[in-house]
Amino acid sequence: MVATLYNKGRGISEDGNWFEDSFFIENLSKDKALFYAKKFGQLAFVHCSKNQKAELVFTKKAYL
């Protein structure tokens, strides 16, 4: 079994009036990340594989 490493994070708006706590989880597949994001009611998450650009992945189809 591979241990999952994580770090706490925080996104903050430019004006400092809004923030959102988060986790950076290493060695988590995109499929597993999608599973947990849906399970915990997230609208989206950022996923990145080694030597690749980060990707914003939505858990539901976005309606404009």
C-alpha atoms as a PDB file:
ATOM      1  CA  MET A   1       0.000   0.000   0.000  1.00  0.00           C
ATOM      2  CA  VAL A   2       1.310   3.452  -0.919  1.00  0.00           C
ATOM      3  CA  ALA A   3       1.027   6.146   1.732  1.00  0.00           C
ATOM      4  CA  THR A   4      -0.854   9.246   0.634  1.00  0.00           C
ATOM      5  CA  LEU A   5       0.920  12.479   1.495  1.00  0.00           C
ATOM      6  CA  TYR A   6      -0.971  15.726   1.854  1.00  0.00           C
ATOM      7  CA  ASN A   7      -0.410  19.359   2.781  1.00  0.00           C
ATOM      8  CA  LYS A   8      -2.926  21.937   3.908  1.00  0.00           C
ATOM      9  CA  GLY A   9      -3.554  24.886   1.596  1.00  0.00           C
ATOM     10  CA  ARG A  10      -5.610  28.073   1.459  1.00  0.00           C
ATOM     11  CA  GLY A  11      -6.869  30.006  -1.551  1.00  0.00           C
ATOM     12  CA  ILE A  12      -7.313  33.720  -0.872  1.00  0.00           C
ATOM     13  CA  SER A  13      -8.976  36.351  -3.062  1.00  0.00           C
ATOM     14  CA  GLU A  14      -6.863  39.275  -4.263  1.00  0.00           C
ATOM     15  CA  ASP A  15      -8.697  41.696  -1.952  1.00  0.00           C
ATOM     16  CA  GLY A  16      -8.402  39.316   1.028  1.00  0.00           C
ATOM     17  CA  ASN A  17     -12.173  39.237   1.653  1.00  0.00           C
ATOM     18  CA  TRP A  18     -12.599  35.563   0.783  1.00  0.00           C
ATOM     19  CA  PHE A  19     -10.658  32.382   1.438  1.00  0.00           C
ATOM     20  CA  GLU A  20     -11.092  28.649   1.083  1.00  0.00           C
ATOM     21  CA  ASP A  21      -9.092  26.009   2.926  1.00  0.00           C
ATOM     22  CA  SER A  22      -7.922  23.055   0.874  1.00  0.00           C
ATOM     23  CA  PHE A  23      -5.609  20.048   0.715  1.00  0.00           C
ATOM     24  CA  PHE A  24      -2.809  19.242  -1.713  1.00  0.00           C
ATOM     25  CA  ILE A  25      -2.789  15.452  -1.980  1.00  0.00           C
ATOM     26  CA  GLU A  26       0.135  13.672  -3.606  1.00  0.00           C
ATOM     27  CA  ASN A  27      -0.038  10.413  -5.571  1.00  0.00           C
ATOM     28  CA  LEU A  28      -3.814  10.505  -6.062  1.00  0.00           C
ATOM     29  CA  SER A  29      -5.150   9.454  -9.452  1.00  0.00           C
ATOM     30  CA  LYS A  30      -7.550  11.737 -11.296  1.00  0.00           C
ATOM     31  CA  ASP A  31     -10.303   9.110 -11.000  1.00  0.00           C
ATOM     32  CA  LYS A  32      -9.813   8.785  -7.232  1.00  0.00           C
ATOM     33  CA  ALA A  33      -9.689  12.582  -6.844  1.00  0.00           C
ATOM     34  CA  LEU A  34     -12.967  12.866  -8.790  1.00  0.00           C
ATOM     35  CA  PHE A  35     -14.547  10.229  -6.550  1.00  0.00           C
ATOM     36  CA  TYR A  36     -13.615  12.102  -3.367  1.00  0.00           C
ATOM     37  CA  ALA A  37     -14.481  15.525  -4.793  1.00  0.00           C
ATOM     38  CA  LYS A  38     -18.000  14.304  -5.604  1.00  0.00           C
ATOM     39  CA  LYS A  39     -18.312  12.509  -2.257  1.00  0.00           C
ATOM     40  CA  PHE A  40     -17.533  15.708  -0.348  1.00  0.00           C
ATOM     41  CA  GLY A  41     -19.609  18.051  -2.537  1.00  0.00           C
ATOM     42  CA  GLN A  42     -16.808  19.857  -4.346  1.00  0.00           C
ATOM     43  CA  LEU A  43     -17.664  21.660  -7.595  1.00  0.00           C
ATOM     44  CA  ALA A  44     -14.149  21.261  -8.984  1.00  0.00           C
ATOM     45  CA  PHE A  45     -10.563  20.360  -8.134  1.00  0.00           C
ATOM     46  CA  VAL A  46      -7.118  20.899  -9.610  1.00  0.00           C
ATOM     47  CA  HIS A  47      -5.242  17.814 -10.804  1.00  0.00           C
ATOM     48  CA  CYS A  48      -1.706  17.526 -12.085  1.00  0.00           C
ATOM     49  CA  SER A  49       0.510  14.602 -13.009  1.00  0.00           C
ATOM     50  CA  LYS A  50       4.287  14.783 -12.823  1.00  0.00           C
ATOM     51  CA  ASN A  51       5.750  17.048 -15.533  1.00  0.00           C
ATOM     52  CA  GLN A  52       2.268  18.082 -16.742  1.00  0.00           C
ATOM     53  CA  LYS A  53       0.278  21.309 -16.567  1.00  0.00           C
ATOM     54  CA  ALA A  54      -2.328  21.596 -13.827  1.00  0.00           C
ATOM     55  CA  GLU A  55      -5.922  20.972 -14.947  1.00  0.00           C
ATOM     56  CA  LEU A  56      -9.132  22.309 -13.393  1.00  0.00           C
ATOM     57  CA  VAL A  57     -11.566  19.366 -13.299  1.00  0.00           C
ATOM     58  CA  PHE A  58     -15.262  20.049 -12.718  1.00  0.00           C
ATOM     59  CA  THR A  59     -17.334  17.439 -10.903  1.00  0.00           C
ATOM     60  CA  LYS A  60     -20.529  18.456 -12.727  1.00  0.00           C
ATOM     61  CA  LYS A  61     -21.295  19.965 -16.108  1.00  0.00           C
ATOM     62  CA  ALA A  62     -21.023  23.755 -15.775  1.00  0.00           C
ATOM     63  CA  TYR A  63     -24.081  25.733 -16.814  1.00  0.00           C
ATOM     64  CA  LEU A  64     -23.626  29.356 -17.828  1.00  0.00           C
END
